[in-house]
N, C-alpha and C. Protein backbone atom coordinates (compact mmCIF):
# COMPACT_ATOMS: atom_id res chain seq x y z
N MET A 1 25.68 -24.66 -8.28
CA MET A 1 24.33 -24.13 -8.55
C MET A 1 23.89 -23.22 -7.41
N SER A 2 23.39 -22.02 -7.77
CA SER A 2 22.98 -21.07 -6.76
C SER A 2 21.67 -21.50 -6.12
N ASN A 3 21.44 -20.99 -4.93
CA ASN A 3 20.21 -21.32 -4.22
C ASN A 3 19.00 -20.72 -4.95
N PRO A 4 17.86 -21.42 -4.95
CA PRO A 4 16.67 -20.88 -5.60
C PRO A 4 16.15 -19.66 -4.85
N ILE A 5 15.42 -18.82 -5.57
CA ILE A 5 14.77 -17.65 -4.98
C ILE A 5 13.52 -18.13 -4.26
N THR A 6 13.45 -17.90 -2.97
CA THR A 6 12.30 -18.36 -2.19
C THR A 6 11.17 -17.33 -2.23
N ILE A 7 9.97 -17.81 -2.43
CA ILE A 7 8.81 -16.93 -2.65
C ILE A 7 7.64 -17.36 -1.79
N LEU A 8 7.00 -16.38 -1.16
CA LEU A 8 5.75 -16.60 -0.43
C LEU A 8 4.64 -15.88 -1.19
N ILE A 9 3.60 -16.62 -1.54
CA ILE A 9 2.47 -16.04 -2.27
C ILE A 9 1.37 -15.68 -1.27
N THR A 10 0.95 -14.42 -1.29
CA THR A 10 -0.09 -13.96 -0.38
C THR A 10 -1.28 -13.42 -1.18
N ASP A 11 -2.39 -14.11 -1.08
CA ASP A 11 -3.62 -13.71 -1.77
C ASP A 11 -4.77 -14.44 -1.11
N ASP A 12 -5.89 -13.76 -0.92
CA ASP A 12 -7.00 -14.41 -0.23
C ASP A 12 -7.81 -15.32 -1.16
N HIS A 13 -7.51 -15.33 -2.44
CA HIS A 13 -8.21 -16.20 -3.38
C HIS A 13 -7.37 -17.43 -3.69
N GLU A 14 -7.89 -18.58 -3.32
CA GLU A 14 -7.14 -19.83 -3.51
C GLU A 14 -6.83 -20.09 -4.97
N VAL A 15 -7.78 -19.79 -5.85
CA VAL A 15 -7.57 -20.06 -7.27
C VAL A 15 -6.42 -19.23 -7.81
N VAL A 16 -6.25 -18.01 -7.30
CA VAL A 16 -5.15 -17.15 -7.73
C VAL A 16 -3.82 -17.73 -7.24
N ARG A 17 -3.79 -18.10 -5.95
CA ARG A 17 -2.57 -18.67 -5.39
C ARG A 17 -2.17 -19.94 -6.14
N ASN A 18 -3.14 -20.81 -6.41
CA ASN A 18 -2.85 -22.06 -7.09
C ASN A 18 -2.32 -21.83 -8.51
N GLY A 19 -2.93 -20.87 -9.19
CA GLY A 19 -2.50 -20.58 -10.56
C GLY A 19 -1.08 -20.05 -10.62
N ILE A 20 -0.78 -19.11 -9.72
CA ILE A 20 0.58 -18.55 -9.70
C ILE A 20 1.59 -19.61 -9.29
N ARG A 21 1.25 -20.38 -8.26
CA ARG A 21 2.19 -21.41 -7.80
C ARG A 21 2.46 -22.45 -8.88
N ALA A 22 1.42 -22.86 -9.58
CA ALA A 22 1.58 -23.87 -10.62
C ALA A 22 2.57 -23.40 -11.68
N TYR A 23 2.52 -22.10 -11.99
CA TYR A 23 3.45 -21.56 -12.99
C TYR A 23 4.86 -21.43 -12.42
N LEU A 24 4.96 -20.85 -11.23
CA LEU A 24 6.29 -20.63 -10.65
C LEU A 24 7.01 -21.94 -10.35
N ASP A 25 6.24 -22.98 -10.03
CA ASP A 25 6.85 -24.29 -9.75
C ASP A 25 7.54 -24.89 -10.97
N THR A 26 7.24 -24.36 -12.16
CA THR A 26 7.87 -24.87 -13.37
C THR A 26 9.22 -24.20 -13.64
N ILE A 27 9.56 -23.21 -12.82
CA ILE A 27 10.79 -22.45 -13.03
C ILE A 27 11.83 -22.87 -11.99
N PRO A 28 12.91 -23.51 -12.43
CA PRO A 28 13.92 -24.04 -11.50
C PRO A 28 14.52 -22.98 -10.57
N ALA A 29 14.57 -21.72 -11.03
CA ALA A 29 15.19 -20.67 -10.23
C ALA A 29 14.35 -20.27 -9.03
N PHE A 30 13.08 -20.69 -9.01
CA PHE A 30 12.17 -20.31 -7.94
C PHE A 30 11.81 -21.49 -7.05
N GLN A 31 11.58 -21.16 -5.78
CA GLN A 31 11.03 -22.15 -4.85
C GLN A 31 9.92 -21.49 -4.06
N VAL A 32 8.68 -21.88 -4.31
CA VAL A 32 7.55 -21.35 -3.54
C VAL A 32 7.55 -22.05 -2.18
N VAL A 33 7.84 -21.29 -1.14
CA VAL A 33 7.98 -21.89 0.19
C VAL A 33 6.69 -21.87 1.00
N GLY A 34 5.68 -21.17 0.49
CA GLY A 34 4.42 -21.14 1.22
C GLY A 34 3.38 -20.27 0.55
N GLU A 35 2.16 -20.41 1.04
CA GLU A 35 1.03 -19.61 0.58
C GLU A 35 0.31 -19.06 1.81
N ALA A 36 -0.06 -17.80 1.75
CA ALA A 36 -0.81 -17.18 2.84
C ALA A 36 -2.11 -16.63 2.28
N SER A 37 -3.20 -16.83 3.01
CA SER A 37 -4.51 -16.37 2.55
C SER A 37 -4.92 -15.06 3.22
N SER A 38 -4.07 -14.55 4.10
CA SER A 38 -4.38 -13.29 4.80
C SER A 38 -3.09 -12.59 5.18
N GLY A 39 -3.21 -11.31 5.52
CA GLY A 39 -2.05 -10.55 5.95
C GLY A 39 -1.46 -11.10 7.23
N GLU A 40 -2.33 -11.46 8.15
CA GLU A 40 -1.85 -12.00 9.43
C GLU A 40 -1.06 -13.29 9.23
N GLU A 41 -1.56 -14.14 8.35
CA GLU A 41 -0.88 -15.41 8.07
C GLU A 41 0.46 -15.15 7.39
N ALA A 42 0.49 -14.16 6.49
CA ALA A 42 1.73 -13.84 5.79
C ALA A 42 2.81 -13.39 6.76
N ILE A 43 2.43 -12.57 7.73
CA ILE A 43 3.40 -12.08 8.70
C ILE A 43 3.99 -13.22 9.52
N THR A 44 3.14 -14.14 9.94
CA THR A 44 3.60 -15.31 10.69
C THR A 44 4.57 -16.14 9.86
N MET A 45 4.23 -16.35 8.60
CA MET A 45 5.06 -17.18 7.74
C MET A 45 6.38 -16.51 7.40
N VAL A 46 6.35 -15.20 7.21
CA VAL A 46 7.59 -14.47 6.93
C VAL A 46 8.55 -14.58 8.11
N SER A 47 8.03 -14.47 9.32
CA SER A 47 8.88 -14.56 10.51
C SER A 47 9.52 -15.94 10.64
N GLU A 48 8.86 -16.97 10.10
CA GLU A 48 9.38 -18.33 10.18
C GLU A 48 10.28 -18.69 9.00
N LEU A 49 9.90 -18.22 7.81
CA LEU A 49 10.57 -18.66 6.58
C LEU A 49 11.59 -17.67 6.04
N ILE A 50 11.44 -16.39 6.35
CA ILE A 50 12.30 -15.32 5.82
C ILE A 50 12.51 -15.51 4.31
N PRO A 51 11.43 -15.43 3.54
CA PRO A 51 11.56 -15.63 2.09
C PRO A 51 12.30 -14.47 1.42
N ASP A 52 12.82 -14.73 0.22
CA ASP A 52 13.47 -13.66 -0.54
C ASP A 52 12.44 -12.65 -1.02
N VAL A 53 11.28 -13.16 -1.44
CA VAL A 53 10.24 -12.30 -2.01
C VAL A 53 8.87 -12.71 -1.49
N VAL A 54 8.04 -11.72 -1.20
CA VAL A 54 6.62 -11.97 -0.92
C VAL A 54 5.82 -11.34 -2.06
N LEU A 55 5.02 -12.17 -2.72
CA LEU A 55 4.11 -11.68 -3.75
C LEU A 55 2.82 -11.30 -3.03
N MET A 56 2.46 -10.02 -3.06
CA MET A 56 1.46 -9.48 -2.15
C MET A 56 0.22 -8.94 -2.85
N ASP A 57 -0.94 -9.50 -2.50
CA ASP A 57 -2.21 -8.91 -2.90
C ASP A 57 -2.49 -7.74 -1.95
N LEU A 58 -3.22 -6.75 -2.41
CA LEU A 58 -3.47 -5.58 -1.55
C LEU A 58 -4.80 -5.65 -0.80
N ILE A 59 -5.84 -6.10 -1.47
CA ILE A 59 -7.17 -6.08 -0.87
C ILE A 59 -7.51 -7.46 -0.33
N MET A 60 -7.45 -7.58 0.99
CA MET A 60 -7.75 -8.85 1.65
C MET A 60 -8.59 -8.58 2.90
N PRO A 61 -9.39 -9.54 3.32
CA PRO A 61 -10.14 -9.38 4.57
C PRO A 61 -9.17 -9.22 5.74
N GLY A 62 -9.56 -8.46 6.73
CA GLY A 62 -8.67 -8.24 7.87
C GLY A 62 -7.58 -7.26 7.52
N MET A 63 -6.35 -7.61 7.80
CA MET A 63 -5.22 -6.72 7.51
C MET A 63 -4.98 -6.63 6.00
N ASP A 64 -4.94 -5.41 5.48
CA ASP A 64 -4.74 -5.26 4.04
C ASP A 64 -3.27 -5.41 3.67
N GLY A 65 -3.01 -5.41 2.37
CA GLY A 65 -1.65 -5.64 1.90
C GLY A 65 -0.68 -4.53 2.25
N ILE A 66 -1.18 -3.32 2.43
CA ILE A 66 -0.29 -2.20 2.75
C ILE A 66 0.27 -2.35 4.16
N GLU A 67 -0.60 -2.60 5.12
CA GLU A 67 -0.14 -2.79 6.50
C GLU A 67 0.69 -4.06 6.61
N THR A 68 0.30 -5.09 5.88
CA THR A 68 1.07 -6.33 5.88
C THR A 68 2.48 -6.09 5.36
N THR A 69 2.58 -5.32 4.28
CA THR A 69 3.90 -4.98 3.72
C THR A 69 4.76 -4.25 4.74
N ARG A 70 4.15 -3.29 5.42
CA ARG A 70 4.89 -2.51 6.42
C ARG A 70 5.44 -3.42 7.52
N GLN A 71 4.61 -4.33 7.98
CA GLN A 71 5.04 -5.21 9.07
C GLN A 71 6.07 -6.24 8.60
N ILE A 72 5.93 -6.71 7.37
CA ILE A 72 6.90 -7.65 6.82
C ILE A 72 8.28 -7.01 6.73
N LYS A 73 8.32 -5.76 6.26
CA LYS A 73 9.61 -5.07 6.13
C LYS A 73 10.23 -4.80 7.50
N ALA A 74 9.39 -4.66 8.51
CA ALA A 74 9.91 -4.46 9.87
C ALA A 74 10.49 -5.77 10.41
N ILE A 75 9.84 -6.88 10.09
CA ILE A 75 10.28 -8.19 10.56
C ILE A 75 11.52 -8.66 9.80
N SER A 76 11.48 -8.52 8.47
CA SER A 76 12.55 -9.03 7.62
C SER A 76 12.89 -8.02 6.53
N PRO A 77 13.74 -7.05 6.84
CA PRO A 77 14.08 -6.01 5.85
C PRO A 77 14.64 -6.56 4.54
N ARG A 78 15.28 -7.74 4.60
CA ARG A 78 15.87 -8.31 3.39
C ARG A 78 14.80 -8.87 2.44
N THR A 79 13.63 -9.16 2.97
CA THR A 79 12.54 -9.70 2.15
C THR A 79 11.95 -8.59 1.28
N GLN A 80 11.91 -8.82 -0.01
CA GLN A 80 11.33 -7.84 -0.93
C GLN A 80 9.85 -8.15 -1.15
N VAL A 81 9.05 -7.10 -1.18
CA VAL A 81 7.60 -7.25 -1.39
C VAL A 81 7.25 -6.77 -2.80
N VAL A 82 6.66 -7.66 -3.57
CA VAL A 82 6.19 -7.33 -4.91
C VAL A 82 4.66 -7.33 -4.87
N VAL A 83 4.07 -6.17 -5.05
CA VAL A 83 2.61 -6.07 -5.05
C VAL A 83 2.06 -6.59 -6.37
N LEU A 84 1.08 -7.48 -6.28
CA LEU A 84 0.38 -7.99 -7.46
C LEU A 84 -1.11 -7.79 -7.19
N THR A 85 -1.72 -6.85 -7.91
CA THR A 85 -3.09 -6.44 -7.59
C THR A 85 -3.84 -6.06 -8.85
N SER A 86 -5.13 -5.85 -8.71
CA SER A 86 -5.95 -5.37 -9.81
C SER A 86 -6.15 -3.86 -9.74
N TYR A 87 -5.67 -3.25 -8.67
CA TYR A 87 -5.96 -1.83 -8.40
C TYR A 87 -4.77 -0.94 -8.75
N HIS A 88 -5.07 0.15 -9.48
CA HIS A 88 -3.99 1.05 -9.86
C HIS A 88 -4.34 2.51 -9.56
N GLU A 89 -5.16 2.71 -8.50
CA GLU A 89 -5.49 4.07 -8.08
C GLU A 89 -4.44 4.59 -7.10
N ASP A 90 -4.34 5.91 -7.01
CA ASP A 90 -3.35 6.53 -6.14
C ASP A 90 -3.48 6.06 -4.69
N VAL A 91 -4.71 5.85 -4.24
CA VAL A 91 -4.95 5.47 -2.85
C VAL A 91 -4.30 4.13 -2.52
N HIS A 92 -4.03 3.32 -3.54
CA HIS A 92 -3.34 2.05 -3.33
C HIS A 92 -1.86 2.15 -3.66
N ILE A 93 -1.53 2.81 -4.76
CA ILE A 93 -0.15 2.84 -5.25
C ILE A 93 0.81 3.47 -4.25
N PHE A 94 0.55 4.72 -3.89
CA PHE A 94 1.53 5.46 -3.09
C PHE A 94 1.69 4.91 -1.67
N PRO A 95 0.60 4.57 -0.98
CA PRO A 95 0.78 3.95 0.34
C PRO A 95 1.55 2.63 0.28
N ALA A 96 1.31 1.83 -0.76
CA ALA A 96 2.02 0.54 -0.88
C ALA A 96 3.51 0.75 -1.06
N LEU A 97 3.87 1.71 -1.91
CA LEU A 97 5.29 1.98 -2.14
C LEU A 97 5.93 2.58 -0.90
N LYS A 98 5.20 3.46 -0.21
CA LYS A 98 5.73 4.05 1.02
C LYS A 98 5.88 3.00 2.12
N ALA A 99 5.03 1.97 2.09
CA ALA A 99 5.10 0.93 3.11
C ALA A 99 6.32 0.03 2.92
N GLY A 100 6.93 0.09 1.71
CA GLY A 100 8.15 -0.68 1.50
C GLY A 100 8.14 -1.63 0.32
N ALA A 101 7.04 -1.68 -0.44
CA ALA A 101 7.01 -2.55 -1.61
C ALA A 101 8.03 -2.06 -2.64
N ILE A 102 8.78 -3.01 -3.22
CA ILE A 102 9.78 -2.62 -4.21
C ILE A 102 9.18 -2.54 -5.61
N SER A 103 8.09 -3.27 -5.82
CA SER A 103 7.47 -3.30 -7.15
C SER A 103 5.96 -3.29 -7.03
N TYR A 104 5.31 -2.82 -8.08
CA TYR A 104 3.85 -2.73 -8.11
C TYR A 104 3.41 -3.13 -9.50
N ILE A 105 2.87 -4.34 -9.62
CA ILE A 105 2.44 -4.83 -10.91
C ILE A 105 0.97 -5.25 -10.84
N LEU A 106 0.33 -5.29 -12.01
CA LEU A 106 -1.09 -5.58 -12.06
C LEU A 106 -1.34 -6.99 -12.57
N LYS A 107 -2.49 -7.53 -12.19
CA LYS A 107 -2.80 -8.93 -12.49
C LYS A 107 -3.09 -9.18 -13.96
N ASP A 108 -3.13 -8.11 -14.77
CA ASP A 108 -3.33 -8.33 -16.21
C ASP A 108 -2.00 -8.51 -16.95
N MET A 109 -0.88 -8.49 -16.20
CA MET A 109 0.41 -8.68 -16.84
C MET A 109 0.65 -10.15 -17.17
N LYS A 110 1.44 -10.40 -18.20
CA LYS A 110 1.78 -11.77 -18.58
C LYS A 110 2.67 -12.41 -17.51
N MET A 111 2.60 -13.72 -17.41
CA MET A 111 3.39 -14.44 -16.41
C MET A 111 4.89 -14.19 -16.59
N GLU A 112 5.31 -14.05 -17.84
CA GLU A 112 6.73 -13.80 -18.09
C GLU A 112 7.18 -12.50 -17.43
N LYS A 113 6.31 -11.49 -17.43
CA LYS A 113 6.63 -10.21 -16.80
C LYS A 113 6.69 -10.36 -15.28
N LEU A 114 5.82 -11.22 -14.74
CA LEU A 114 5.85 -11.48 -13.31
C LEU A 114 7.17 -12.13 -12.92
N VAL A 115 7.59 -13.10 -13.70
CA VAL A 115 8.87 -13.77 -13.44
C VAL A 115 10.01 -12.77 -13.47
N GLU A 116 9.99 -11.90 -14.45
CA GLU A 116 11.02 -10.87 -14.57
C GLU A 116 11.03 -9.96 -13.35
N ALA A 117 9.83 -9.58 -12.89
CA ALA A 117 9.73 -8.69 -11.73
C ALA A 117 10.29 -9.36 -10.47
N LEU A 118 10.04 -10.65 -10.32
CA LEU A 118 10.55 -11.37 -9.16
C LEU A 118 12.07 -11.44 -9.19
N HIS A 119 12.64 -11.71 -10.35
CA HIS A 119 14.10 -11.72 -10.50
C HIS A 119 14.69 -10.34 -10.16
N ARG A 120 14.06 -9.32 -10.68
CA ARG A 120 14.55 -7.95 -10.45
C ARG A 120 14.45 -7.56 -8.98
N ALA A 121 13.38 -8.00 -8.33
CA ALA A 121 13.19 -7.65 -6.91
C ALA A 121 14.34 -8.16 -6.06
N VAL A 122 14.78 -9.38 -6.32
CA VAL A 122 15.89 -9.96 -5.55
C VAL A 122 17.17 -9.16 -5.76
N GLN A 123 17.30 -8.54 -6.92
CA GLN A 123 18.46 -7.70 -7.21
C GLN A 123 18.30 -6.28 -6.69
N GLY A 124 17.16 -6.02 -6.03
CA GLY A 124 16.91 -4.68 -5.52
C GLY A 124 16.45 -3.69 -6.57
N GLU A 125 15.93 -4.22 -7.68
CA GLU A 125 15.49 -3.37 -8.79
C GLU A 125 13.96 -3.26 -8.81
N VAL A 126 13.49 -2.07 -9.11
CA VAL A 126 12.06 -1.77 -9.07
C VAL A 126 11.39 -2.15 -10.39
N THR A 127 10.18 -2.68 -10.28
CA THR A 127 9.33 -2.92 -11.46
C THR A 127 7.97 -2.28 -11.20
N LEU A 128 7.56 -1.39 -12.11
CA LEU A 128 6.24 -0.77 -12.01
C LEU A 128 5.47 -1.03 -13.29
N HIS A 129 4.22 -1.44 -13.13
CA HIS A 129 3.35 -1.58 -14.29
C HIS A 129 3.29 -0.22 -15.00
N PRO A 130 3.26 -0.20 -16.33
CA PRO A 130 3.26 1.08 -17.06
C PRO A 130 2.23 2.10 -16.55
N ARG A 131 1.03 1.64 -16.22
CA ARG A 131 0.01 2.57 -15.72
C ARG A 131 0.40 3.14 -14.36
N VAL A 132 1.03 2.29 -13.55
CA VAL A 132 1.47 2.75 -12.23
C VAL A 132 2.65 3.71 -12.37
N ALA A 133 3.58 3.37 -13.25
CA ALA A 133 4.73 4.24 -13.50
C ALA A 133 4.27 5.61 -13.98
N ALA A 134 3.23 5.63 -14.81
CA ALA A 134 2.70 6.90 -15.32
C ALA A 134 2.16 7.76 -14.18
N ARG A 135 1.46 7.12 -13.23
CA ARG A 135 0.90 7.87 -12.11
C ARG A 135 2.01 8.43 -11.22
N VAL A 136 3.05 7.62 -10.98
CA VAL A 136 4.17 8.07 -10.16
C VAL A 136 4.86 9.24 -10.84
N LEU A 137 5.08 9.13 -12.14
CA LEU A 137 5.75 10.20 -12.89
C LEU A 137 4.91 11.48 -12.89
N GLN A 138 3.60 11.33 -13.08
CA GLN A 138 2.73 12.50 -13.07
C GLN A 138 2.77 13.19 -11.71
N ASN A 139 2.82 12.38 -10.67
CA ASN A 139 2.87 12.95 -9.32
C ASN A 139 4.15 13.74 -9.11
N ILE A 140 5.28 13.16 -9.54
CA ILE A 140 6.57 13.85 -9.39
C ILE A 140 6.59 15.12 -10.22
N ARG A 141 6.14 15.02 -11.45
CA ARG A 141 6.14 16.20 -12.32
C ARG A 141 5.21 17.27 -11.80
N GLY A 142 4.07 16.85 -11.26
CA GLY A 142 3.12 17.82 -10.72
C GLY A 142 3.71 18.60 -9.57
N GLU A 143 4.44 17.91 -8.68
CA GLU A 143 5.05 18.57 -7.53
C GLU A 143 6.19 19.48 -7.97
N ASP A 144 6.97 19.00 -8.98
CA ASP A 144 8.11 19.79 -9.44
C ASP A 144 7.65 21.03 -10.21
N LYS A 145 6.51 20.89 -10.88
CA LYS A 145 6.04 21.95 -11.77
C LYS A 145 5.61 23.19 -11.03
N ASP A 146 4.75 23.02 -10.05
CA ASP A 146 4.20 24.20 -9.38
C ASP A 146 4.27 24.13 -7.87
N ASP A 147 4.66 22.95 -7.34
CA ASP A 147 4.82 22.78 -5.89
C ASP A 147 3.57 23.21 -5.13
N GLN A 148 2.41 22.95 -5.69
CA GLN A 148 1.17 23.30 -5.03
C GLN A 148 0.87 22.28 -3.93
N PRO A 149 0.49 22.74 -2.74
CA PRO A 149 0.15 21.80 -1.67
C PRO A 149 -0.99 20.90 -2.10
N LEU A 150 -0.85 19.61 -1.82
CA LEU A 150 -1.88 18.67 -2.24
C LEU A 150 -3.22 18.95 -1.58
N TYR A 151 -3.20 19.60 -0.41
CA TYR A 151 -4.47 19.80 0.28
C TYR A 151 -5.39 20.77 -0.47
N THR A 152 -4.86 21.49 -1.46
CA THR A 152 -5.72 22.38 -2.23
C THR A 152 -6.70 21.58 -3.09
N ASP A 153 -6.43 20.27 -3.27
CA ASP A 153 -7.33 19.41 -4.03
C ASP A 153 -8.51 18.94 -3.17
N LEU A 154 -8.44 19.16 -1.86
CA LEU A 154 -9.49 18.70 -0.98
C LEU A 154 -10.72 19.61 -1.09
N THR A 155 -11.89 19.01 -0.96
CA THR A 155 -13.11 19.81 -0.91
C THR A 155 -13.19 20.47 0.47
N GLU A 156 -14.11 21.39 0.60
CA GLU A 156 -14.27 22.09 1.88
C GLU A 156 -14.61 21.10 3.00
N ARG A 157 -15.47 20.14 2.69
CA ARG A 157 -15.85 19.14 3.69
C ARG A 157 -14.66 18.24 4.04
N GLU A 158 -13.88 17.84 3.03
CA GLU A 158 -12.71 17.01 3.29
C GLU A 158 -11.69 17.74 4.15
N LEU A 159 -11.56 19.03 3.94
CA LEU A 159 -10.64 19.82 4.76
C LEU A 159 -11.13 19.86 6.21
N GLU A 160 -12.44 19.96 6.40
CA GLU A 160 -13.00 19.89 7.75
C GLU A 160 -12.66 18.56 8.41
N VAL A 161 -12.86 17.49 7.67
CA VAL A 161 -12.57 16.16 8.21
C VAL A 161 -11.09 16.01 8.51
N LEU A 162 -10.24 16.51 7.63
CA LEU A 162 -8.79 16.45 7.85
C LEU A 162 -8.42 17.12 9.17
N LYS A 163 -8.98 18.28 9.43
CA LYS A 163 -8.67 19.00 10.68
C LYS A 163 -9.12 18.20 11.90
N LEU A 164 -10.26 17.55 11.78
CA LEU A 164 -10.76 16.76 12.90
C LEU A 164 -9.92 15.50 13.11
N ILE A 165 -9.43 14.91 12.03
CA ILE A 165 -8.52 13.77 12.15
C ILE A 165 -7.26 14.21 12.88
N ALA A 166 -6.73 15.37 12.49
CA ALA A 166 -5.53 15.89 13.14
C ALA A 166 -5.76 16.18 14.61
N ASN A 167 -7.01 16.43 14.95
CA ASN A 167 -7.37 16.69 16.34
C ASN A 167 -7.55 15.39 17.13
N GLY A 168 -7.45 14.26 16.42
CA GLY A 168 -7.53 12.96 17.09
C GLY A 168 -8.91 12.36 17.19
N LEU A 169 -9.89 12.94 16.49
CA LEU A 169 -11.25 12.41 16.56
C LEU A 169 -11.38 11.12 15.77
N THR A 170 -12.22 10.21 16.26
CA THR A 170 -12.53 8.98 15.55
C THR A 170 -13.58 9.27 14.48
N ASN A 171 -13.83 8.29 13.61
CA ASN A 171 -14.85 8.47 12.58
C ASN A 171 -16.22 8.75 13.18
N SER A 172 -16.55 8.03 14.24
CA SER A 172 -17.87 8.23 14.86
C SER A 172 -17.97 9.62 15.49
N GLN A 173 -16.89 10.09 16.08
CA GLN A 173 -16.89 11.44 16.68
C GLN A 173 -17.00 12.51 15.60
N ILE A 174 -16.30 12.27 14.47
CA ILE A 174 -16.39 13.22 13.36
C ILE A 174 -17.80 13.25 12.80
N ALA A 175 -18.41 12.07 12.67
CA ALA A 175 -19.78 11.98 12.16
C ALA A 175 -20.73 12.77 13.05
N GLU A 176 -20.56 12.61 14.37
CA GLU A 176 -21.43 13.31 15.31
C GLU A 176 -21.22 14.82 15.24
N LYS A 177 -19.98 15.24 15.11
CA LYS A 177 -19.68 16.68 15.10
C LYS A 177 -20.19 17.36 13.83
N LEU A 178 -20.06 16.63 12.69
CA LEU A 178 -20.46 17.22 11.42
C LEU A 178 -21.90 16.88 11.03
N VAL A 179 -22.55 16.06 11.88
CA VAL A 179 -23.93 15.63 11.65
C VAL A 179 -24.06 14.94 10.29
N ILE A 180 -23.20 13.96 10.07
CA ILE A 180 -23.26 13.15 8.88
C ILE A 180 -23.09 11.69 9.31
N SER A 181 -23.32 10.75 8.40
CA SER A 181 -23.20 9.34 8.77
C SER A 181 -21.74 8.92 8.86
N GLU A 182 -21.50 7.86 9.60
CA GLU A 182 -20.13 7.37 9.74
C GLU A 182 -19.62 6.84 8.40
N ASN A 183 -20.50 6.26 7.60
CA ASN A 183 -20.10 5.78 6.27
C ASN A 183 -19.64 6.93 5.39
N THR A 184 -20.31 8.07 5.51
CA THR A 184 -19.91 9.24 4.75
C THR A 184 -18.53 9.71 5.20
N VAL A 185 -18.29 9.67 6.50
CA VAL A 185 -16.98 10.05 7.02
C VAL A 185 -15.91 9.12 6.45
N LYS A 186 -16.20 7.82 6.44
CA LYS A 186 -15.23 6.86 5.90
C LYS A 186 -14.91 7.18 4.44
N GLY A 187 -15.92 7.59 3.70
CA GLY A 187 -15.69 7.96 2.30
C GLY A 187 -14.79 9.17 2.18
N HIS A 188 -15.02 10.17 3.05
CA HIS A 188 -14.17 11.37 3.04
C HIS A 188 -12.73 11.01 3.42
N VAL A 189 -12.58 10.15 4.44
CA VAL A 189 -11.24 9.75 4.88
C VAL A 189 -10.49 9.05 3.76
N SER A 190 -11.19 8.16 3.05
CA SER A 190 -10.57 7.44 1.94
C SER A 190 -10.11 8.41 0.86
N ASN A 191 -10.94 9.41 0.55
CA ASN A 191 -10.57 10.41 -0.46
C ASN A 191 -9.37 11.23 -0.01
N ILE A 192 -9.33 11.56 1.28
CA ILE A 192 -8.22 12.35 1.81
C ILE A 192 -6.92 11.55 1.70
N LEU A 193 -6.95 10.29 2.09
CA LEU A 193 -5.75 9.45 1.99
C LEU A 193 -5.26 9.39 0.55
N SER A 194 -6.21 9.26 -0.38
CA SER A 194 -5.85 9.16 -1.79
C SER A 194 -5.24 10.47 -2.30
N LYS A 195 -5.88 11.59 -2.00
CA LYS A 195 -5.42 12.87 -2.52
C LYS A 195 -4.09 13.31 -1.92
N LEU A 196 -3.85 12.94 -0.66
CA LEU A 196 -2.60 13.33 0.00
C LEU A 196 -1.50 12.28 -0.18
N HIS A 197 -1.87 11.14 -0.77
CA HIS A 197 -0.91 10.05 -1.00
C HIS A 197 -0.28 9.58 0.31
N VAL A 198 -1.12 9.39 1.31
CA VAL A 198 -0.64 8.88 2.60
C VAL A 198 -1.40 7.60 2.93
N ALA A 199 -0.84 6.83 3.89
CA ALA A 199 -1.35 5.48 4.14
C ALA A 199 -2.35 5.39 5.28
N ASP A 200 -2.27 6.32 6.25
CA ASP A 200 -3.14 6.17 7.42
C ASP A 200 -3.43 7.52 8.07
N ARG A 201 -4.24 7.49 9.11
CA ARG A 201 -4.69 8.70 9.78
C ARG A 201 -3.54 9.44 10.46
N THR A 202 -2.58 8.68 10.98
CA THR A 202 -1.44 9.33 11.63
C THR A 202 -0.70 10.22 10.64
N GLN A 203 -0.49 9.70 9.44
CA GLN A 203 0.20 10.49 8.42
C GLN A 203 -0.62 11.70 8.00
N VAL A 204 -1.94 11.55 8.02
CA VAL A 204 -2.82 12.70 7.73
C VAL A 204 -2.60 13.80 8.77
N ALA A 205 -2.55 13.40 10.04
CA ALA A 205 -2.36 14.36 11.12
C ALA A 205 -1.00 15.06 11.01
N VAL A 206 0.03 14.26 10.75
CA VAL A 206 1.38 14.83 10.60
C VAL A 206 1.41 15.82 9.43
N TYR A 207 0.76 15.44 8.34
CA TYR A 207 0.70 16.31 7.17
C TYR A 207 0.03 17.65 7.53
N ALA A 208 -1.08 17.56 8.25
CA ALA A 208 -1.82 18.77 8.63
C ALA A 208 -0.97 19.68 9.50
N TRP A 209 -0.21 19.08 10.43
CA TRP A 209 0.65 19.89 11.30
C TRP A 209 1.81 20.50 10.52
N GLN A 210 2.42 19.71 9.64
CA GLN A 210 3.57 20.19 8.88
C GLN A 210 3.19 21.33 7.94
N ARG A 211 1.99 21.26 7.39
CA ARG A 211 1.53 22.28 6.45
C ARG A 211 0.95 23.49 7.16
N GLY A 212 0.82 23.41 8.46
CA GLY A 212 0.26 24.53 9.20
C GLY A 212 -1.25 24.64 9.08
N ILE A 213 -1.89 23.57 8.59
CA ILE A 213 -3.35 23.58 8.48
C ILE A 213 -3.96 23.56 9.88
N VAL A 214 -3.30 22.87 10.77
CA VAL A 214 -3.74 22.76 12.16
C VAL A 214 -2.53 22.97 13.05
N GLN A 215 -2.69 23.76 14.10
CA GLN A 215 -1.66 23.93 15.11
C GLN A 215 -1.99 22.99 16.26
N ARG A 216 -1.00 22.23 16.73
CA ARG A 216 -1.27 21.26 17.78
C ARG A 216 -1.90 21.90 19.02
N GLU A 217 -1.41 23.08 19.35
CA GLU A 217 -1.93 23.71 20.56
C GLU A 217 -3.33 24.26 20.38
N GLN A 218 -3.77 24.34 19.10
CA GLN A 218 -5.11 24.84 18.80
C GLN A 218 -6.10 23.69 18.62
N ALA A 219 -5.62 22.47 18.77
CA ALA A 219 -6.46 21.31 18.44
C ALA A 219 -7.79 21.33 19.18
N SER A 220 -7.76 21.71 20.42
CA SER A 220 -8.99 21.66 21.23
C SER A 220 -10.02 22.68 20.78
N ASP A 221 -9.58 23.62 19.92
CA ASP A 221 -10.50 24.65 19.45
C ASP A 221 -11.22 24.26 18.17
N ILE A 222 -10.79 23.14 17.57
CA ILE A 222 -11.37 22.78 16.27
C ILE A 222 -12.78 22.23 16.46
């Protein structure tokens, strides 16, 4: 008899963790080795347990699922991360996949589909919810079709914020420079991450430099 597939469930809602565990515990091929209620806890448990699969929620207090996924893959590359979330917007999908998640499924899927995704993950096979797969395909087709730089989708204000991010300014510094609230800046940053399909400010800066939107040596002039 082969060894069971070890699974760590990560979700900040206890009722969700309990529900998933109760179902997975009925499947002999699976062994739920732990539950984590936060990203930080998941990282600690992965380093100790080295599970085959981590079932990952994205939106959690403290460290979100994207950064948690990135750190888990750094700690245990063999561990596959299957995202299980309610969110299917670009700002969540593309950063999660870039962080190392092998699959992205939504919480409205049937349990049988979840089981299938977990089996596939261990085999190194990708599972994407149909809505997520459609967004990924549209993104690929959009780039192949006209190869238009994504930054053309940014508003004039978002482009200003992008340049200031590339210059290394914090949200509060950007707010002061543009005479807007810090919350407004956060909204612009979130939109920029979504439109450029990147996970963090560093990637925004790299994108700006690679596209020639900002020259590093000109940063002090922005």
